[in-house]
Amino acid sequence: MRMRDFEGDFDDDATRPRSAVRRKPRFEDLRTGSELRRGRLTEGERARLAAARDRDPDRGLPAGADRWSVWGQGELGPEPYPDWLVVEEGAADTRLGVVKTGKEADVHLLERAVPGTARTCLLAEKRYRAADHRLYHRDAAYLEGRRAKESRLERAVEKRTGFGLKVIGEQWATAEFDALCRLWAAGVPVPYPVQRLGTDLLIEFLGEQDGGAAPRLAQLRPLPHQLLDLWDQLGSALGTMARLGFTHGDLSPYNILVHQGRLVLIDVPQIVDVVVNPSGREMLLRDVANVTGWFAARGLPEAEHEGELLGVSLLAEIGM
């Protein structure tokens, strides 16, 4: 299997001041929402998987594979698990190449397959970088409302010590995984979150079987009727997020994919609780302005007016 080369950057922008009043679920509540059932294996299932891996200690990995499947370890995505996801014992993971590089993380294409069968799936492995190589670009505004529970951790984060950077890395990976789980469960078009292992995320790969990644919105030149459809899809997606009290926080045509005509939001570690974050209102309006500009350049009728209406609608959903 060959993968088409595709690289890009994660863009982090500066933020501005805000206002807010009504209490919405805090960002930390993403992990404990009663409507979300996070997949977790029982101790018996974990033991069975471990036994399957250890049954033949001399057994070598299949040719080309990098490791045995890590399914069952770390945090798992929402149940029920999708039919396409390989969860069988004895599966192996093979990294096929880099899909995307960025300031905070790299994304690799990974194939998870059961040797000797046709059972296989492609995953995107997002690997946040080691503390000494990470550049969390002007992240202070995004961390508002995500304070560490222990004061010593909070102090380390504020001072950006080596330990503090490790804490931030864990926060970003945890935040993205929790956000994807919550958004997926609510019906927001995001990739399915498969599992989190420390600062590594495994998520649904959106693309073709030959490894070609789905194009970003910025790469497209849609026809007028396609443009209108994409705008409607975007409004629906952002509306669902707003009803949860959130905005993307770094939305642009570069972190929206279009897969088989379906718009999908990606890169959500900086997701913002609009009410709790001091700059939440401005971040939401900035998200809308960023994408409205792209639609306007592509010929969306009355784009500026449509963008204003969308912003007002999203703030109303949040109660602002």
C-alpha atoms as a PDB file:
ATOM      1  CA  MET A   1       0.000   0.000   0.000  1.00  0.00           C
ATOM      2  CA  ARG A   2       1.346   3.402  -0.912  1.00  0.00           C
ATOM      3  CA  MET A   3       0.297   6.668   0.596  1.00  0.00           C
ATOM      4  CA  ARG A   4       0.122   9.938  -1.268  1.00  0.00           C
ATOM      5  CA  ASP A   5       2.355  12.586   0.274  1.00  0.00           C
ATOM      6  CA  PHE A   6       0.421  15.236   2.129  1.00  0.00           C
ATOM      7  CA  GLU A   7       1.722  17.720   4.679  1.00  0.00           C
ATOM      8  CA  GLY A   8       0.339  20.785   6.386  1.00  0.00           C
ATOM      9  CA  ASP A   9       0.582  22.899   9.510  1.00  0.00           C
ATOM     10  CA  PHE A  10      -1.549  23.388  12.548  1.00  0.00           C
ATOM     11  CA  ASP A  11      -2.347  27.083  12.751  1.00  0.00           C
ATOM     12  CA  ASP A  12      -2.745  28.736  16.158  1.00  0.00           C
ATOM     13  CA  ASP A  13      -3.898  32.352  16.235  1.00  0.00           C
ATOM     14  CA  ALA A  14      -3.875  35.058  18.873  1.00  0.00           C
ATOM     15  CA  THR A  15      -7.075  35.711  20.804  1.00  0.00           C
ATOM     16  CA  ARG A  16      -8.918  38.775  22.001  1.00  0.00           C
ATOM     17  CA  PRO A  17     -10.901  39.764  25.160  1.00  0.00           C
ATOM     18  CA  ARG A  18     -14.479  38.573  25.885  1.00  0.00           C
ATOM     19  CA  SER A  19     -17.679  38.748  27.931  1.00  0.00           C
ATOM     20  CA  ALA A  20     -20.108  36.102  29.211  1.00  0.00           C
ATOM     21  CA  VAL A  21     -22.650  35.312  31.821  1.00  0.00           C
ATOM     22  CA  ARG A  22     -24.681  32.119  31.820  1.00  0.00           C
ATOM     23  CA  ARG A  23     -23.134  28.948  33.150  1.00  0.00           C
ATOM     24  CA  LYS A  24     -22.691  26.161  30.637  1.00  0.00           C
ATOM     25  CA  PRO A  25     -20.987  22.786  31.190  1.00  0.00           C
ATOM     26  CA  ARG A  26     -17.307  23.387  31.978  1.00  0.00           C
ATOM     27  CA  PHE A  27     -14.630  21.974  29.739  1.00  0.00           C
ATOM     28  CA  GLU A  28     -13.767  19.410  32.410  1.00  0.00           C
ATOM     29  CA  ASP A  29     -17.367  18.146  32.165  1.00  0.00           C
ATOM     30  CA  LEU A  30     -16.551  16.727  28.726  1.00  0.00           C
ATOM     31  CA  ARG A  31     -15.125  13.682  30.479  1.00  0.00           C
ATOM     32  CA  THR A  32     -18.089  12.998  32.747  1.00  0.00           C
ATOM     33  CA  GLY A  33     -21.181  13.860  30.694  1.00  0.00           C
ATOM     34  CA  SER A  34     -23.843  11.282  31.534  1.00  0.00           C
ATOM     35  CA  GLU A  35     -24.988  11.168  27.899  1.00  0.00           C
ATOM     36  CA  LEU A  36     -21.566   9.872  26.811  1.00  0.00           C
ATOM     37  CA  ARG A  37     -20.660   6.244  27.348  1.00  0.00           C
ATOM     38  CA  ARG A  38     -16.903   5.877  27.047  1.00  0.00           C
ATOM     39  CA  GLY A  39     -15.725   2.423  25.990  1.00  0.00           C
ATOM     40  CA  ARG A  40     -13.772   0.585  28.671  1.00  0.00           C
ATOM     41  CA  LEU A  41     -12.731  -3.046  28.779  1.00  0.00           C
ATOM     42  CA  THR A  42     -13.450  -5.146  31.833  1.00  0.00           C
ATOM     43  CA  GLU A  43     -10.530  -6.621  33.733  1.00  0.00           C
ATOM     44  CA  GLY A  44     -11.445 -10.020  32.296  1.00  0.00           C
ATOM     45  CA  GLU A  45     -11.363  -8.693  28.742  1.00  0.00           C
ATOM     46  CA  ARG A  46      -8.017  -7.001  29.361  1.00  0.00           C
ATOM     47  CA  ALA A  47      -6.588 -10.226  30.772  1.00  0.00           C
ATOM     48  CA  ARG A  48      -7.889 -12.187  27.778  1.00  0.00           C
ATOM     49  CA  LEU A  49      -6.282  -9.746  25.338  1.00  0.00           C
ATOM     50  CA  ALA A  50      -2.999  -9.839  27.250  1.00  0.00           C
ATOM     51  CA  ALA A  51      -3.054 -13.631  27.267  1.00  0.00           C
ATOM     52  CA  ALA A  52      -3.683 -13.694  23.524  1.00  0.00           C
ATOM     53  CA  ARG A  53      -0.655 -11.458  22.965  1.00  0.00           C
ATOM     54  CA  ASP A  54       1.547 -13.555  25.256  1.00  0.00           C
ATOM     55  CA  ARG A  55       0.318 -16.984  24.197  1.00  0.00           C
ATOM     56  CA  ASP A  56       3.331 -17.535  21.949  1.00  0.00           C
ATOM     57  CA  PRO A  57       6.185 -15.323  23.166  1.00  0.00           C
ATOM     58  CA  ASP A  58       8.417 -16.523  20.324  1.00  0.00           C
ATOM     59  CA  ARG A  59       5.908 -15.521  17.690  1.00  0.00           C
ATOM     60  CA  GLY A  60       7.267 -12.714  15.554  1.00  0.00           C
ATOM     61  CA  LEU A  61       5.390  -9.749  14.217  1.00  0.00           C
ATOM     62  CA  PRO A  62       3.974 -10.078  10.696  1.00  0.00           C
ATOM     63  CA  ALA A  63       6.347  -8.814   8.036  1.00  0.00           C
ATOM     64  CA  GLY A  64       6.397  -5.011   7.964  1.00  0.00           C
ATOM     65  CA  ALA A  65       4.350  -4.544  11.141  1.00  0.00           C
ATOM     66  CA  ASP A  66       5.621  -2.200  13.847  1.00  0.00           C
ATOM     67  CA  ARG A  67       3.801  -3.664  16.865  1.00  0.00           C
ATOM     68  CA  TRP A  68       0.935  -5.829  17.978  1.00  0.00           C
ATOM     69  CA  SER A  69      -2.330  -3.917  18.212  1.00  0.00           C
ATOM     70  CA  VAL A  70      -2.632  -1.772  21.328  1.00  0.00           C
ATOM     71  CA  TRP A  71      -6.415  -2.139  21.356  1.00  0.00           C
ATOM     72  CA  GLY A  72      -7.705  -2.390  24.919  1.00  0.00           C
ATOM     73  CA  GLN A  73      -5.019  -0.144  26.373  1.00  0.00           C
ATOM     74  CA  GLY A  74      -5.486   3.453  27.525  1.00  0.00           C
ATOM     75  CA  GLU A  75      -8.836   5.165  26.983  1.00  0.00           C
ATOM     76  CA  LEU A  76     -11.234   3.850  24.358  1.00  0.00           C
ATOM     77  CA  GLY A  77     -13.760   5.697  22.239  1.00  0.00           C
ATOM     78  CA  PRO A  78     -17.549   5.766  22.652  1.00  0.00           C
ATOM     79  CA  GLU A  79     -19.570   2.585  22.357  1.00  0.00           C
ATOM     80  CA  PRO A  80     -20.859   0.978  20.247  1.00  0.00           C
ATOM     81  CA  TYR A  81     -17.592   0.632  18.359  1.00  0.00           C
ATOM     82  CA  PRO A  82     -17.936   1.146  14.579  1.00  0.00           C
ATOM     83  CA  ASP A  83     -18.093  -2.009  12.449  1.00  0.00           C
ATOM     84  CA  TRP A  84     -15.061  -0.925  10.421  1.00  0.00           C
ATOM     85  CA  LEU A  85     -12.812  -0.760  13.500  1.00  0.00           C
ATOM     86  CA  VAL A  86     -10.511  -3.773  13.971  1.00  0.00           C
ATOM     87  CA  VAL A  87     -10.750  -4.908  17.599  1.00  0.00           C
ATOM     88  CA  GLU A  88      -9.852  -8.568  17.103  1.00  0.00           C
ATOM     89  CA  GLU A  89      -7.158 -10.331  19.073  1.00  0.00           C
ATOM     90  CA  GLY A  90      -3.943 -10.888  17.185  1.00  0.00           C
ATOM     91  CA  ALA A  91      -4.192  -7.744  15.053  1.00  0.00           C
ATOM     92  CA  ALA A  92      -1.000  -5.840  14.246  1.00  0.00           C
ATOM     93  CA  ASP A  93      -0.295  -2.145  13.627  1.00  0.00           C
ATOM     94  CA  THR A  94       1.838  -0.882  10.744  1.00  0.00           C
ATOM     95  CA  ARG A  95       2.824   2.757  10.274  1.00  0.00           C
ATOM     96  CA  LEU A  96       2.665   3.649   6.587  1.00  0.00           C
ATOM     97  CA  GLY A  97       3.919   7.230   6.580  1.00  0.00           C
ATOM     98  CA  VAL A  98       3.324  10.795   7.701  1.00  0.00           C
ATOM     99  CA  VAL A  99       0.003  12.395   6.769  1.00  0.00           C
ATOM    100  CA  LYS A 100       0.563  15.783   8.377  1.00  0.00           C
ATOM    101  CA  THR A 101       3.208  17.638  10.367  1.00  0.00           C
ATOM    102  CA  GLY A 102       2.646  20.544  12.702  1.00  0.00           C
ATOM    103  CA  LYS A 103       4.009  22.598  15.586  1.00  0.00           C
ATOM    104  CA  GLU A 104       2.535  20.456  18.360  1.00  0.00           C
ATOM    105  CA  ALA A 105       1.993  17.043  16.779  1.00  0.00           C
ATOM    106  CA  ASP A 106       2.562  14.838  13.753  1.00  0.00           C
ATOM    107  CA  VAL A 107      -0.094  12.621  12.215  1.00  0.00           C
ATOM    108  CA  HIS A 108       0.871   9.199  10.862  1.00  0.00           C
ATOM    109  CA  LEU A 109      -1.149   6.821   8.740  1.00  0.00           C
ATOM    110  CA  LEU A 110      -1.495   3.478  10.506  1.00  0.00           C
ATOM    111  CA  GLU A 111      -2.946   0.205   9.256  1.00  0.00           C
ATOM    112  CA  ARG A 112      -4.445  -2.163  11.837  1.00  0.00           C
ATOM    113  CA  ALA A 113      -4.956  -5.618  10.381  1.00  0.00           C
ATOM    114  CA  VAL A 114      -5.561  -9.223  11.393  1.00  0.00           C
ATOM    115  CA  PRO A 115      -2.820 -11.330   9.721  1.00  0.00           C
ATOM    116  CA  GLY A 116      -4.088 -13.909   7.269  1.00  0.00           C
ATOM    117  CA  THR A 117      -7.500 -12.258   6.887  1.00  0.00           C
ATOM    118  CA  ALA A 118      -9.046  -9.400   4.931  1.00  0.00           C
ATOM    119  CA  ARG A 119      -9.931  -7.637   8.187  1.00  0.00           C
ATOM    120  CA  THR A 120      -8.145  -4.282   8.171  1.00  0.00           C
ATOM    121  CA  CYS A 121      -8.702  -0.593   8.809  1.00  0.00           C
ATOM    122  CA  LEU A 122      -6.743   2.643   8.425  1.00  0.00           C
ATOM    123  CA  LEU A 123      -6.271   4.959  11.402  1.00  0.00           C
ATOM    124  CA  ALA A 124      -4.718   8.367  11.894  1.00  0.00           C
ATOM    125  CA  GLU A 125      -2.191   8.319  14.732  1.00  0.00           C
ATOM    126  CA  LYS A 126      -1.733  11.809  16.147  1.00  0.00           C
ATOM    127  CA  ARG A 127       1.468  11.929  18.185  1.00  0.00           C
ATOM    128  CA  TYR A 128       2.014  15.008  20.341  1.00  0.00           C
ATOM    129  CA  ARG A 129       5.683  15.851  20.445  1.00  0.00           C
ATOM    130  CA  ALA A 130       8.095  15.400  23.343  1.00  0.00           C
ATOM    131  CA  ALA A 131       8.230  18.278  25.820  1.00  0.00           C
ATOM    132  CA  ASP A 132      11.600  19.553  24.590  1.00  0.00           C
ATOM    133  CA  HIS A 133      10.373  19.777  20.984  1.00  0.00           C
ATOM    134  CA  ARG A 134       6.850  21.069  21.455  1.00  0.00           C
ATOM    135  CA  LEU A 135       5.825  24.597  20.617  1.00  0.00           C
ATOM    136  CA  TYR A 136       2.425  25.257  22.203  1.00  0.00           C
ATOM    137  CA  HIS A 137       2.002  28.467  20.280  1.00  0.00           C
ATOM    138  CA  ARG A 138       0.398  31.164  22.421  1.00  0.00           C
ATOM    139  CA  ASP A 139      -1.788  28.581  24.159  1.00  0.00           C
ATOM    140  CA  ALA A 140      -2.528  30.537  27.355  1.00  0.00           C
ATOM    141  CA  ALA A 141      -5.941  31.744  26.162  1.00  0.00           C
ATOM    142  CA  TYR A 142      -7.032  28.228  25.237  1.00  0.00           C
ATOM    143  CA  LEU A 143      -6.036  26.874  28.672  1.00  0.00           C
ATOM    144  CA  GLU A 144      -8.448  29.232  30.444  1.00  0.00           C
ATOM    145  CA  GLY A 145     -11.029  27.094  32.246  1.00  0.00           C
ATOM    146  CA  ARG A 146      -8.812  23.994  32.112  1.00  0.00           C
ATOM    147  CA  ARG A 147      -6.871  24.537  35.309  1.00  0.00           C
ATOM    148  CA  ALA A 148      -5.089  21.540  36.790  1.00  0.00           C
ATOM    149  CA  LYS A 149      -6.715  20.139  39.918  1.00  0.00           C
ATOM    150  CA  GLU A 150      -3.456  20.193  41.890  1.00  0.00           C
ATOM    151  CA  SER A 151      -1.842  23.553  42.638  1.00  0.00           C
ATOM    152  CA  ARG A 152       1.677  22.210  42.008  1.00  0.00           C
ATOM    153  CA  LEU A 153       0.635  21.115  38.529  1.00  0.00           C
ATOM    154  CA  GLU A 154      -0.954  24.489  37.861  1.00  0.00           C
ATOM    155  CA  ARG A 155       2.211  26.310  38.949  1.00  0.00           C
ATOM    156  CA  ALA A 156       4.355  24.092  36.704  1.00  0.00           C
ATOM    157  CA  VAL A 157       2.060  24.828  33.759  1.00  0.00           C
ATOM    158  CA  GLU A 158       2.135  28.584  34.377  1.00  0.00           C
ATOM    159  CA  LYS A 159       5.956  28.616  34.631  1.00  0.00           C
ATOM    160  CA  ARG A 160       6.363  26.330  31.574  1.00  0.00           C
ATOM    161  CA  THR A 161       8.884  24.145  33.387  1.00  0.00           C
ATOM    162  CA  GLY A 162       9.935  20.875  31.776  1.00  0.00           C
ATOM    163  CA  PHE A 163       7.409  19.080  33.964  1.00  0.00           C
ATOM    164  CA  GLY A 164       4.848  21.754  33.174  1.00  0.00           C
ATOM    165  CA  LEU A 165       5.253  21.157  29.440  1.00  0.00           C
ATOM    166  CA  LYS A 166       4.615  17.454  30.002  1.00  0.00           C
ATOM    167  CA  VAL A 167       1.453  18.355  31.886  1.00  0.00           C
ATOM    168  CA  ILE A 168       0.379  20.654  29.022  1.00  0.00           C
ATOM    169  CA  GLY A 169       1.018  17.882  26.492  1.00  0.00           C
ATOM    170  CA  GLU A 170      -1.163  15.518  28.490  1.00  0.00           C
ATOM    171  CA  GLN A 171      -3.816  18.232  28.811  1.00  0.00           C
ATOM    172  CA  TRP A 172      -3.915  18.836  25.065  1.00  0.00           C
ATOM    173  CA  ALA A 173      -4.103  15.146  24.168  1.00  0.00           C
ATOM    174  CA  THR A 174      -6.738  14.497  26.839  1.00  0.00           C
ATOM    175  CA  ALA A 175      -8.682  17.584  25.811  1.00  0.00           C
ATOM    176  CA  GLU A 176      -8.758  16.549  22.166  1.00  0.00           C
ATOM    177  CA  PHE A 177      -9.766  12.969  22.906  1.00  0.00           C
ATOM    178  CA  ASP A 178     -12.484  14.022  25.352  1.00  0.00           C
ATOM    179  CA  ALA A 179     -13.765  16.650  22.938  1.00  0.00           C
ATOM    180  CA  LEU A 180     -13.914  14.177  20.053  1.00  0.00           C
ATOM    181  CA  CYS A 181     -15.797  11.673  22.226  1.00  0.00           C
ATOM    182  CA  ARG A 182     -18.323  14.261  23.348  1.00  0.00           C
ATOM    183  CA  LEU A 183     -18.766  15.780  19.883  1.00  0.00           C
ATOM    184  CA  TRP A 184     -19.065  12.360  18.215  1.00  0.00           C
ATOM    185  CA  ALA A 185     -21.721  11.282  20.709  1.00  0.00           C
ATOM    186  CA  ALA A 186     -23.654  14.521  20.082  1.00  0.00           C
ATOM    187  CA  GLY A 187     -23.630  14.037  16.312  1.00  0.00           C
ATOM    188  CA  VAL A 188     -21.056  16.693  15.388  1.00  0.00           C
ATOM    189  CA  PRO A 189     -19.184  15.613  12.214  1.00  0.00           C
ATOM    190  CA  VAL A 190     -15.754  14.702  13.624  1.00  0.00           C
ATOM    191  CA  PRO A 191     -13.546  11.629  13.120  1.00  0.00           C
ATOM    192  CA  TYR A 192     -14.343   8.713  15.421  1.00  0.00           C
ATOM    193  CA  PRO A 193     -11.908   8.739  18.398  1.00  0.00           C
ATOM    194  CA  VAL A 194     -10.517   5.200  18.674  1.00  0.00           C
ATOM    195  CA  GLN A 195      -8.262   5.444  21.745  1.00  0.00           C
ATOM    196  CA  ARG A 196      -5.785   7.549  23.690  1.00  0.00           C
ATOM    197  CA  LEU A 197      -2.444   6.274  24.976  1.00  0.00           C
ATOM    198  CA  GLY A 198      -0.766   9.063  26.926  1.00  0.00           C
ATOM    199  CA  THR A 199      -0.104  11.825  24.408  1.00  0.00           C
ATOM    200  CA  ASP A 200      -0.821   9.626  21.368  1.00  0.00           C
ATOM    201  CA  LEU A 201      -4.300   9.558  19.814  1.00  0.00           C
ATOM    202  CA  LEU A 202      -5.690   7.014  17.379  1.00  0.00           C
ATOM    203  CA  ILE A 203      -8.630   8.363  15.398  1.00  0.00           C
ATOM    204  CA  GLU A 204     -10.595   7.479  12.285  1.00  0.00           C
ATOM    205  CA  PHE A 205      -8.663   8.072   9.062  1.00  0.00           C
ATOM    206  CA  LEU A 206     -10.700  10.002   6.520  1.00  0.00           C
ATOM    207  CA  GLY A 207      -9.514   9.241   3.023  1.00  0.00           C
ATOM    208  CA  GLU A 208      -9.119   6.534   0.432  1.00  0.00           C
ATOM    209  CA  GLN A 209      -7.952   2.950   0.812  1.00  0.00           C
ATOM    210  CA  ASP A 210      -4.711   3.798  -1.005  1.00  0.00           C
ATOM    211  CA  GLY A 211      -3.859   6.168   1.855  1.00  0.00           C
ATOM    212  CA  GLY A 212      -4.798   9.412   0.140  1.00  0.00           C
ATOM    213  CA  ALA A 213      -6.128  11.779   2.809  1.00  0.00           C
ATOM    214  CA  ALA A 214      -9.443  13.576   2.328  1.00  0.00           C
ATOM    215  CA  PRO A 215      -8.832  17.139   1.071  1.00  0.00           C
ATOM    216  CA  ARG A 216      -9.012  20.113   3.349  1.00  0.00           C
ATOM    217  CA  LEU A 217     -11.700  22.670   2.614  1.00  0.00           C
ATOM    218  CA  ALA A 218      -8.980  25.169   1.655  1.00  0.00           C
ATOM    219  CA  GLN A 219      -7.941  22.924  -1.255  1.00  0.00           C
ATOM    220  CA  LEU A 220     -11.372  22.813  -2.910  1.00  0.00           C
ATOM    221  CA  ARG A 221     -12.992  24.861  -5.645  1.00  0.00           C
ATOM    222  CA  PRO A 222     -16.635  23.801  -5.245  1.00  0.00           C
ATOM    223  CA  LEU A 223     -19.398  24.489  -7.726  1.00  0.00           C
ATOM    224  CA  PRO A 224     -22.110  26.935  -6.564  1.00  0.00           C
ATOM    225  CA  HIS A 225     -24.538  24.225  -5.438  1.00  0.00           C
ATOM    226  CA  GLN A 226     -21.725  22.388  -3.608  1.00  0.00           C
ATOM    227  CA  LEU A 227     -20.663  25.619  -1.915  1.00  0.00           C
ATOM    228  CA  LEU A 228     -24.167  26.189  -0.570  1.00  0.00           C
ATOM    229  CA  ASP A 229     -24.367  22.604   0.676  1.00  0.00           C
ATOM    230  CA  LEU A 230     -21.032  22.909   2.482  1.00  0.00           C
ATOM    231  CA  TRP A 231     -22.132  26.188   4.086  1.00  0.00           C
ATOM    232  CA  ASP A 232     -25.326  24.531   5.340  1.00  0.00           C
ATOM    233  CA  GLN A 233     -23.323  21.594   6.706  1.00  0.00           C
ATOM    234  CA  LEU A 234     -20.955  23.960   8.492  1.00  0.00           C
ATOM    235  CA  GLY A 235     -23.798  25.919  10.078  1.00  0.00           C
ATOM    236  CA  SER A 236     -25.378  22.687  11.309  1.00  0.00           C
ATOM    237  CA  ALA A 237     -22.078  21.419  12.770  1.00  0.00           C
ATOM    238  CA  LEU A 238     -21.299  24.685  14.563  1.00  0.00           C
ATOM    239  CA  GLY A 239     -24.889  24.900  15.797  1.00  0.00           C
ATOM    240  CA  THR A 240     -24.631  21.477  17.441  1.00  0.00           C
ATOM    241  CA  MET A 241     -21.362  22.512  19.097  1.00  0.00           C
ATOM    242  CA  ALA A 242     -22.941  25.759  20.311  1.00  0.00           C
ATOM    243  CA  ARG A 243     -25.820  23.856  21.910  1.00  0.00           C
ATOM    244  CA  LEU A 244     -23.165  22.030  23.935  1.00  0.00           C
ATOM    245  CA  GLY A 245     -21.683  25.423  24.880  1.00  0.00           C
ATOM    246  CA  PHE A 246     -18.537  25.145  22.755  1.00  0.00           C
ATOM    247  CA  THR A 247     -16.758  26.570  19.744  1.00  0.00           C
ATOM    248  CA  HIS A 248     -13.826  25.060  17.861  1.00  0.00           C
ATOM    249  CA  GLY A 249     -11.412  27.798  18.932  1.00  0.00           C
ATOM    250  CA  ASP A 250      -9.101  27.594  15.918  1.00  0.00           C
ATOM    251  CA  LEU A 251     -11.476  27.038  13.020  1.00  0.00           C
ATOM    252  CA  SER A 252     -10.240  27.693   9.500  1.00  0.00           C
ATOM    253  CA  PRO A 253     -10.519  26.098   6.042  1.00  0.00           C
ATOM    254  CA  TYR A 254      -7.312  24.217   6.924  1.00  0.00           C
ATOM    255  CA  ASN A 255      -8.806  22.133   9.728  1.00  0.00           C
ATOM    256  CA  ILE A 256     -12.010  21.161   7.961  1.00  0.00           C
ATOM    257  CA  LEU A 257     -11.945  18.067   5.763  1.00  0.00           C
ATOM    258  CA  VAL A 258     -14.426  17.182   3.032  1.00  0.00           C
ATOM    259  CA  HIS A 259     -14.775  13.421   2.683  1.00  0.00           C
ATOM    260  CA  GLN A 260     -17.141  12.102   0.026  1.00  0.00           C
ATOM    261  CA  GLY A 261     -19.116  15.333   0.128  1.00  0.00           C
ATOM    262  CA  ARG A 262     -19.309  15.343   3.931  1.00  0.00           C
ATOM    263  CA  LEU A 263     -17.750  18.182   5.911  1.00  0.00           C
ATOM    264  CA  VAL A 264     -15.720  17.001   8.935  1.00  0.00           C
ATOM    265  CA  LEU A 265     -14.144  19.162  11.671  1.00  0.00           C
ATOM    266  CA  ILE A 266     -10.653  18.153  12.842  1.00  0.00           C
ATOM    267  CA  ASP A 267      -7.902  19.385  15.208  1.00  0.00           C
ATOM    268  CA  VAL A 268      -9.926  20.205  18.309  1.00  0.00           C
ATOM    269  CA  PRO A 269      -7.439  20.188  21.241  1.00  0.00           C
ATOM    270  CA  GLN A 270      -8.134  23.894  21.837  1.00  0.00           C
ATOM    271  CA  ILE A 271     -11.936  23.549  21.930  1.00  0.00           C
ATOM    272  CA  VAL A 272     -13.349  26.452  23.933  1.00  0.00           C
ATOM    273  CA  ASP A 273     -16.096  26.642  26.540  1.00  0.00           C
ATOM    274  CA  VAL A 274     -17.564  29.894  25.279  1.00  0.00           C
ATOM    275  CA  VAL A 275     -19.011  30.994  28.631  1.00  0.00           C
ATOM    276  CA  VAL A 276     -16.179  29.940  30.939  1.00  0.00           C
ATOM    277  CA  ASN A 277     -13.318  31.184  28.774  1.00  0.00           C
ATOM    278  CA  PRO A 278     -12.827  34.961  29.123  1.00  0.00           C
ATOM    279  CA  SER A 279     -12.320  35.263  25.356  1.00  0.00           C
ATOM    280  CA  GLY A 280     -15.007  32.726  24.435  1.00  0.00           C
ATOM    281  CA  ARG A 281     -17.387  35.090  22.637  1.00  0.00           C
ATOM    282  CA  GLU A 282     -14.621  36.608  20.536  1.00  0.00           C
ATOM    283  CA  MET A 283     -13.215  33.159  19.717  1.00  0.00           C
ATOM    284  CA  LEU A 284     -16.597  31.998  18.445  1.00  0.00           C
ATOM    285  CA  LEU A 285     -17.008  35.086  16.258  1.00  0.00           C
ATOM    286  CA  ARG A 286     -13.434  34.690  15.019  1.00  0.00           C
ATOM    287  CA  ASP A 287     -14.156  31.068  14.054  1.00  0.00           C
ATOM    288  CA  VAL A 288     -17.170  32.236  12.043  1.00  0.00           C
ATOM    289  CA  ALA A 289     -15.222  35.078  10.405  1.00  0.00           C
ATOM    290  CA  ASN A 290     -12.348  32.777   9.401  1.00  0.00           C
ATOM    291  CA  VAL A 291     -14.569  30.376   7.481  1.00  0.00           C
ATOM    292  CA  THR A 292     -16.921  33.066   6.168  1.00  0.00           C
ATOM    293  CA  GLY A 293     -13.955  34.720   4.466  1.00  0.00           C
ATOM    294  CA  TRP A 294     -13.187  31.514   2.582  1.00  0.00           C
ATOM    295  CA  PHE A 295     -16.809  31.049   1.493  1.00  0.00           C
ATOM    296  CA  ALA A 296     -16.973  34.682   0.408  1.00  0.00           C
ATOM    297  CA  ALA A 297     -13.851  34.240  -1.742  1.00  0.00           C
ATOM    298  CA  ARG A 298     -15.471  31.207  -3.391  1.00  0.00           C
ATOM    299  CA  GLY A 299     -18.618  33.144  -4.276  1.00  0.00           C
ATOM    300  CA  LEU A 300     -21.126  32.447  -1.499  1.00  0.00           C
ATOM    301  CA  PRO A 301     -24.050  34.846  -2.117  1.00  0.00           C
ATOM    302  CA  GLU A 302     -24.240  37.611   0.512  1.00  0.00           C
ATOM    303  CA  ALA A 303     -21.463  35.900   2.464  1.00  0.00           C
ATOM    304  CA  GLU A 304     -20.895  38.768   4.907  1.00  0.00           C
ATOM    305  CA  HIS A 305     -24.587  38.882   5.819  1.00  0.00           C
ATOM    306  CA  GLU A 306     -24.736  35.078   6.086  1.00  0.00           C
ATOM    307  CA  GLY A 307     -21.720  35.114   8.407  1.00  0.00           C
ATOM    308  CA  GLU A 308     -23.315  37.749  10.655  1.00  0.00           C
ATOM    309  CA  LEU A 309     -26.528  35.727  10.859  1.00  0.00           C
ATOM    310  CA  LEU A 310     -24.559  32.568  11.715  1.00  0.00           C
ATOM    311  CA  GLY A 311     -22.633  34.321  14.493  1.00  0.00           C
ATOM    312  CA  VAL A 312     -25.826  35.724  16.027  1.00  0.00           C
ATOM    313  CA  SER A 313     -27.499  32.317  15.793  1.00  0.00           C
ATOM    314  CA  LEU A 314     -24.598  30.507  17.507  1.00  0.00           C
ATOM    315  CA  LEU A 315     -24.441  33.024  20.352  1.00  0.00           C
ATOM    316  CA  ALA A 316     -28.199  32.662  20.826  1.00  0.00           C
ATOM    317  CA  GLU A 317     -27.807  28.874  21.075  1.00  0.00           C
ATOM    318  CA  ILE A 318     -25.303  29.429  23.890  1.00  0.00           C
ATOM    319  CA  GLY A 319     -27.490  32.028  25.572  1.00  0.00           C
ATOM    320  CA  MET A 320     -25.317  35.081  24.963  1.00  0.00           C
END
